[in-house]
Amino acid sequence: MKTCILAALSAAFSINAAAAADLTVIHAGKLLATPGSPARAEQSIVIKDGKIESVIDGYAAAGD
């Protein structure tokens, strides 16, 4: 019984870790987003599943 519970908990934690790894937030002090435009200060780049999902003004936390 203890082995089954331990296996279930291990599986649950590894699934959650894999899901959390798919989201990355990069805090950019200066971001050159548009050619010819001035750099944007204090931006957060949200990357989900390897693709840019959004660019947010300010520094966002990973859960935002």
PDB file of N, CA and C in Angstrom:
ATOM      1  N   MET A   1       0.825  -1.202   0.000  1.00  0.00           N
ATOM      2  CA  MET A   1       0.000   0.000   0.000  1.00  0.00           C
ATOM      3  C   MET A   1       0.866   1.261   0.000  1.00  0.00           C
ATOM      4  N   LYS A   2       1.912   1.267   0.850  1.00  0.00           N
ATOM      5  CA  LYS A   2       2.793   2.432   0.908  1.00  0.00           C
ATOM      6  C   LYS A   2       3.493   2.651  -0.425  1.00  0.00           C
ATOM      7  N   THR A   3       3.828   1.543  -1.102  1.00  0.00           N
ATOM      8  CA  THR A   3       4.498   1.654  -2.397  1.00  0.00           C
ATOM      9  C   THR A   3       3.583   2.301  -3.429  1.00  0.00           C
ATOM     10  N   CYS A   4       2.305   1.938  -3.425  1.00  0.00           N
ATOM     11  CA  CYS A   4       1.343   2.526  -4.373  1.00  0.00           C
ATOM     12  C   CYS A   4       1.171   4.020  -4.130  1.00  0.00           C
ATOM     13  N   ILE A   5       1.083   4.411  -2.862  1.00  0.00           N
ATOM     14  CA  ILE A   5       0.927   5.832  -2.537  1.00  0.00           C
ATOM     15  C   ILE A   5       2.164   6.609  -2.952  1.00  0.00           C
ATOM     16  N   LEU A   6       3.341   6.044  -2.672  1.00  0.00           N
ATOM     17  CA  LEU A   6       4.591   6.705  -3.049  1.00  0.00           C
ATOM     18  C   LEU A   6       4.694   6.855  -4.564  1.00  0.00           C
ATOM     19  N   ALA A   7       4.309   5.820  -5.304  1.00  0.00           N
ATOM     20  CA  ALA A   7       4.352   5.886  -6.767  1.00  0.00           C
ATOM     21  C   ALA A   7       3.385   6.944  -7.296  1.00  0.00           C
ATOM     22  N   ALA A   8       2.198   7.021  -6.713  1.00  0.00           N
ATOM     23  CA  ALA A   8       1.210   8.013  -7.151  1.00  0.00           C
ATOM     24  C   ALA A   8       1.691   9.430  -6.868  1.00  0.00           C
ATOM     25  N   LEU A   9       2.276   9.648  -5.695  1.00  0.00           N
ATOM     26  CA  LEU A   9       2.798  10.982  -5.370  1.00  0.00           C
ATOM     27  C   LEU A   9       3.950  11.366  -6.288  1.00  0.00           C
ATOM     28  N   SER A  10       4.826  10.420  -6.573  1.00  0.00           N
ATOM     29  CA  SER A  10       5.951  10.698  -7.477  1.00  0.00           C
ATOM     30  C   SER A  10       5.453  11.084  -8.861  1.00  0.00           C
ATOM     31  N   ALA A  11       4.455  10.370  -9.355  1.00  0.00           N
ATOM     32  CA  ALA A  11       3.900  10.679 -10.676  1.00  0.00           C
ATOM     33  C   ALA A  11       3.242  12.052 -10.688  1.00  0.00           C
ATOM     34  N   ALA A  12       2.516  12.384  -9.641  1.00  0.00           N
ATOM     35  CA  ALA A  12       1.838  13.684  -9.578  1.00  0.00           C
ATOM     36  C   ALA A  12       2.836  14.828  -9.566  1.00  0.00           C
ATOM     37  N   PHE A  13       3.902  14.698  -8.792  1.00  0.00           N
ATOM     38  CA  PHE A  13       4.896  15.770  -8.731  1.00  0.00           C
ATOM     39  C   PHE A  13       5.664  15.899 -10.037  1.00  0.00           C
ATOM     40  N   SER A  14       5.952  14.806 -10.715  1.00  0.00           N
ATOM     41  CA  SER A  14       6.687  14.913 -11.970  1.00  0.00           C
ATOM     42  C   SER A  14       5.815  15.514 -13.069  1.00  0.00           C
ATOM     43  N   ILE A  15       4.512  15.267 -13.061  1.00  0.00           N
ATOM     44  CA  ILE A  15       3.607  15.886 -14.038  1.00  0.00           C
ATOM     45  C   ILE A  15       3.547  17.393 -13.803  1.00  0.00           C
ATOM     46  N   ASN A  16       3.432  17.820 -12.543  1.00  0.00           N
ATOM     47  CA  ASN A  16       3.384  19.247 -12.232  1.00  0.00           C
ATOM     48  C   ASN A  16       4.683  19.936 -12.608  1.00  0.00           C
ATOM     49  N   ALA A  17       5.810  19.295 -12.392  1.00  0.00           N
ATOM     50  CA  ALA A  17       7.098  19.888 -12.746  1.00  0.00           C
ATOM     51  C   ALA A  17       7.217  20.058 -14.257  1.00  0.00           C
ATOM     52  N   ALA A  18       6.736  19.085 -15.018  1.00  0.00           N
ATOM     53  CA  ALA A  18       6.801  19.184 -16.475  1.00  0.00           C
ATOM     54  C   ALA A  18       5.902  20.303 -16.983  1.00  0.00           C
ATOM     55  N   ALA A  19       4.726  20.456 -16.400  1.00  0.00           N
ATOM     56  CA  ALA A  19       3.809  21.513 -16.829  1.00  0.00           C
ATOM     57  C   ALA A  19       4.379  22.884 -16.509  1.00  0.00           C
ATOM     58  N   ALA A  20       5.018  23.036 -15.372  1.00  0.00           N
ATOM     59  CA  ALA A  20       5.589  24.322 -14.988  1.00  0.00           C
ATOM     60  C   ALA A  20       6.783  24.681 -15.863  1.00  0.00           C
ATOM     61  N   ALA A  21       7.473  23.689 -16.392  1.00  0.00           N
ATOM     62  CA  ALA A  21       8.657  23.947 -17.196  1.00  0.00           C
ATOM     63  C   ALA A  21       8.306  24.540 -18.561  1.00  0.00           C
ATOM     64  N   ASP A  22       7.059  24.465 -18.982  1.00  0.00           N
ATOM     65  CA  ASP A  22       6.651  24.962 -20.292  1.00  0.00           C
ATOM     66  C   ASP A  22       6.480  26.475 -20.329  1.00  0.00           C
ATOM     67  N   LEU A  23       6.562  27.154 -19.193  1.00  0.00           N
ATOM     68  CA  LEU A  23       6.369  28.597 -19.122  1.00  0.00           C
ATOM     69  C   LEU A  23       7.666  29.263 -18.687  1.00  0.00           C
ATOM     70  N   THR A  24       8.111  30.246 -19.452  1.00  0.00           N
ATOM     71  CA  THR A  24       9.322  30.996 -19.126  1.00  0.00           C
ATOM     72  C   THR A  24       9.002  32.480 -19.193  1.00  0.00           C
ATOM     73  N   VAL A  25       9.473  33.239 -18.208  1.00  0.00           N
ATOM     74  CA  VAL A  25       9.321  34.688 -18.206  1.00  0.00           C
ATOM     75  C   VAL A  25      10.711  35.295 -18.214  1.00  0.00           C
ATOM     76  N   ILE A  26      10.996  36.120 -19.219  1.00  0.00           N
ATOM     77  CA  ILE A  26      12.285  36.804 -19.336  1.00  0.00           C
ATOM     78  C   ILE A  26      12.078  38.265 -18.984  1.00  0.00           C
ATOM     79  N   HIS A  27      12.854  38.756 -18.029  1.00  0.00           N
ATOM     80  CA  HIS A  27      12.802  40.174 -17.665  1.00  0.00           C
ATOM     81  C   HIS A  27      13.866  40.898 -18.481  1.00  0.00           C
ATOM     82  N   ALA A  28      13.424  41.776 -19.359  1.00  0.00           N
ATOM     83  CA  ALA A  28      14.335  42.514 -20.234  1.00  0.00           C
ATOM     84  C   ALA A  28      14.438  43.956 -19.751  1.00  0.00           C
ATOM     85  N   GLY A  29      15.649  44.391 -19.422  1.00  0.00           N
ATOM     86  CA  GLY A  29      15.854  45.784 -19.021  1.00  0.00           C
ATOM     87  C   GLY A  29      15.547  46.726 -20.168  1.00  0.00           C
ATOM     88  N   LYS A  30      15.981  46.344 -21.368  1.00  0.00           N
ATOM     89  CA  LYS A  30      15.689  47.092 -22.601  1.00  0.00           C
ATOM     90  C   LYS A  30      15.318  46.070 -23.670  1.00  0.00           C
ATOM     91  N   LEU A  31      14.246  46.341 -24.397  1.00  0.00           N
ATOM     92  CA  LEU A  31      13.775  45.428 -25.430  1.00  0.00           C
ATOM     93  C   LEU A  31      13.676  46.162 -26.754  1.00  0.00           C
ATOM     94  N   LEU A  32      14.383  45.653 -27.754  1.00  0.00           N
ATOM     95  CA  LEU A  32      14.280  46.194 -29.115  1.00  0.00           C
ATOM     96  C   LEU A  32      13.238  45.352 -29.845  1.00  0.00           C
ATOM     97  N   ALA A  33      12.007  45.819 -29.878  1.00  0.00           N
ATOM     98  CA  ALA A  33      10.908  45.038 -30.439  1.00  0.00           C
ATOM     99  C   ALA A  33      10.587  45.412 -31.882  1.00  0.00           C
ATOM    100  N   THR A  34      10.721  46.687 -32.221  1.00  0.00           N
ATOM    101  CA  THR A  34      10.353  47.165 -33.548  1.00  0.00           C
ATOM    102  C   THR A  34      11.533  47.905 -34.161  1.00  0.00           C
ATOM    103  N   PRO A  35      11.983  47.486 -35.364  1.00  0.00           N
ATOM    104  CA  PRO A  35      13.101  48.186 -35.993  1.00  0.00           C
ATOM    105  C   PRO A  35      12.793  49.672 -36.183  1.00  0.00           C
ATOM    106  N   GLY A  36      13.753  50.519 -35.837  1.00  0.00           N
ATOM    107  CA  GLY A  36      13.596  51.955 -35.993  1.00  0.00           C
ATOM    108  C   GLY A  36      12.916  52.643 -34.822  1.00  0.00           C
ATOM    109  N   SER A  37      12.343  51.868 -33.916  1.00  0.00           N
ATOM    110  CA  SER A  37      11.694  52.438 -32.730  1.00  0.00           C
ATOM    111  C   SER A  37      12.663  52.395 -31.553  1.00  0.00           C
ATOM    112  N   PRO A  38      12.483  53.311 -30.599  1.00  0.00           N
ATOM    113  CA  PRO A  38      13.363  53.280 -29.427  1.00  0.00           C
ATOM    114  C   PRO A  38      13.140  52.013 -28.597  1.00  0.00           C
ATOM    115  N   ALA A  39      14.151  51.650 -27.835  1.00  0.00           N
ATOM    116  CA  ALA A  39      14.052  50.476 -26.967  1.00  0.00           C
ATOM    117  C   ALA A  39      12.987  50.695 -25.902  1.00  0.00           C
ATOM    118  N   ARG A  40      12.275  49.637 -25.569  1.00  0.00           N
ATOM    119  CA  ARG A  40      11.264  49.679 -24.506  1.00  0.00           C
ATOM    120  C   ARG A  40      11.922  49.216 -23.214  1.00  0.00           C
ATOM    121  N   ALA A  41      11.724  49.967 -22.128  1.00  0.00           N
ATOM    122  CA  ALA A  41      12.363  49.648 -20.849  1.00  0.00           C
ATOM    123  C   ALA A  41      11.467  48.762 -19.987  1.00  0.00           C
ATOM    124  N   GLU A  42      12.107  47.950 -19.154  1.00  0.00           N
ATOM    125  CA  GLU A  42      11.436  47.099 -18.165  1.00  0.00           C
ATOM    126  C   GLU A  42      10.260  46.325 -18.764  1.00  0.00           C
ATOM    127  N   GLN A  43      10.562  45.350 -19.574  1.00  0.00           N
ATOM    128  CA  GLN A  43       9.555  44.526 -20.230  1.00  0.00           C
ATOM    129  C   GLN A  43       9.696  43.076 -19.776  1.00  0.00           C
ATOM    130  N   SER A  44       8.598  42.346 -19.765  1.00  0.00           N
ATOM    131  CA  SER A  44       8.604  40.910 -19.495  1.00  0.00           C
ATOM    132  C   SER A  44       8.149  40.198 -20.757  1.00  0.00           C
ATOM    133  N   ILE A  45       8.921  39.211 -21.171  1.00  0.00           N
ATOM    134  CA  ILE A  45       8.580  38.407 -22.339  1.00  0.00           C
ATOM    135  C   ILE A  45       8.114  37.052 -21.820  1.00  0.00           C
ATOM    136  N   VAL A  46       6.876  36.682 -22.126  1.00  0.00           N
ATOM    137  CA  VAL A  46       6.311  35.415 -21.665  1.00  0.00           C
ATOM    138  C   VAL A  46       6.404  34.411 -22.806  1.00  0.00           C
ATOM    139  N   ILE A  47       7.105  33.298 -22.547  1.00  0.00           N
ATOM    140  CA  ILE A  47       7.284  32.247 -23.545  1.00  0.00           C
ATOM    141  C   ILE A  47       6.575  30.995 -23.045  1.00  0.00           C
ATOM    142  N   LYS A  48       5.661  30.479 -23.866  1.00  0.00           N
ATOM    143  CA  LYS A  48       4.913  29.276 -23.503  1.00  0.00           C
ATOM    144  C   LYS A  48       5.046  28.260 -24.624  1.00  0.00           C
ATOM    145  N   ASP A  49       5.428  27.058 -24.271  1.00  0.00           N
ATOM    146  CA  ASP A  49       5.622  25.973 -25.241  1.00  0.00           C
ATOM    147  C   ASP A  49       6.578  26.377 -26.360  1.00  0.00           C
ATOM    148  N   GLY A  50       7.619  27.140 -26.019  1.00  0.00           N
ATOM    149  CA  GLY A  50       8.644  27.505 -26.984  1.00  0.00           C
ATOM    150  C   GLY A  50       8.295  28.668 -27.898  1.00  0.00           C
ATOM    151  N   LYS A  51       7.153  29.319 -27.675  1.00  0.00           N
ATOM    152  CA  LYS A  51       6.744  30.446 -28.517  1.00  0.00           C
ATOM    153  C   LYS A  51       6.431  31.654 -27.648  1.00  0.00           C
ATOM    154  N   ILE A  52       6.715  32.852 -28.172  1.00  0.00           N
ATOM    155  CA  ILE A  52       6.395  34.073 -27.429  1.00  0.00           C
ATOM    156  C   ILE A  52       4.883  34.211 -27.359  1.00  0.00           C
ATOM    157  N   GLU A  53       4.382  34.254 -26.129  1.00  0.00           N
ATOM    158  CA  GLU A  53       2.940  34.395 -25.917  1.00  0.00           C
ATOM    159  C   GLU A  53       2.555  35.859 -25.767  1.00  0.00           C
ATOM    160  N   SER A  54       3.391  36.638 -25.049  1.00  0.00           N
ATOM    161  CA  SER A  54       3.077  38.050 -24.857  1.00  0.00           C
ATOM    162  C   SER A  54       4.301  38.811 -24.382  1.00  0.00           C
ATOM    163  N   VAL A  55       4.220  40.134 -24.523  1.00  0.00           N
ATOM    164  CA  VAL A  55       5.209  41.059 -23.972  1.00  0.00           C
ATOM    165  C   VAL A  55       4.427  41.998 -23.066  1.00  0.00           C
ATOM    166  N   ILE A  56       4.864  42.089 -21.800  1.00  0.00           N
ATOM    167  CA  ILE A  56       4.127  42.838 -20.787  1.00  0.00           C
ATOM    168  C   ILE A  56       4.986  43.981 -20.273  1.00  0.00           C
ATOM    169  N   ASP A  57       4.381  45.166 -20.099  1.00  0.00           N
ATOM    170  CA  ASP A  57       5.090  46.283 -19.474  1.00  0.00           C
ATOM    171  C   ASP A  57       5.387  45.935 -18.020  1.00  0.00           C
ATOM    172  N   GLY A  58       6.594  46.229 -17.573  1.00  0.00           N
ATOM    173  CA  GLY A  58       7.000  45.942 -16.196  1.00  0.00           C
ATOM    174  C   GLY A  58       7.533  44.524 -16.075  1.00  0.00           C
ATOM    175  N   TYR A  59       7.895  44.167 -14.847  1.00  0.00           N
ATOM    176  CA  TYR A  59       8.438  42.839 -14.583  1.00  0.00           C
ATOM    177  C   TYR A  59       7.354  41.968 -13.959  1.00  0.00           C
ATOM    178  N   ALA A  60       6.880  40.992 -14.714  1.00  0.00           N
ATOM    179  CA  ALA A  60       5.808  40.110 -14.260  1.00  0.00           C
ATOM    180  C   ALA A  60       6.387  38.876 -13.585  1.00  0.00           C
ATOM    181  N   ALA A  61       5.647  38.331 -12.643  1.00  0.00           N
ATOM    182  CA  ALA A  61       6.018  37.062 -12.020  1.00  0.00           C
ATOM    183  C   ALA A  61       5.576  35.930 -12.936  1.00  0.00           C
ATOM    184  N   ALA A  62       6.131  34.758 -12.750  1.00  0.00           N
ATOM    185  CA  ALA A  62       5.815  33.622 -13.615  1.00  0.00           C
ATOM    186  C   ALA A  62       4.339  33.251 -13.571  1.00  0.00           C
ATOM    187  N   GLY A  63       3.656  33.502 -12.471  1.00  0.00           N
ATOM    188  CA  GLY A  63       2.244  33.144 -12.361  1.00  0.00           C
ATOM    189  C   GLY A  63       1.289  34.191 -12.892  1.00  0.00           C
ATOM    190  N   ASP A  64       1.763  35.357 -13.295  1.00  0.00           N
ATOM    191  CA  ASP A  64       0.883  36.448 -13.754  1.00  0.00           C
ATOM    192  C   ASP A  64       0.338  36.201 -15.139  1.00  0.00           C
TER     193      ASP A  64
END
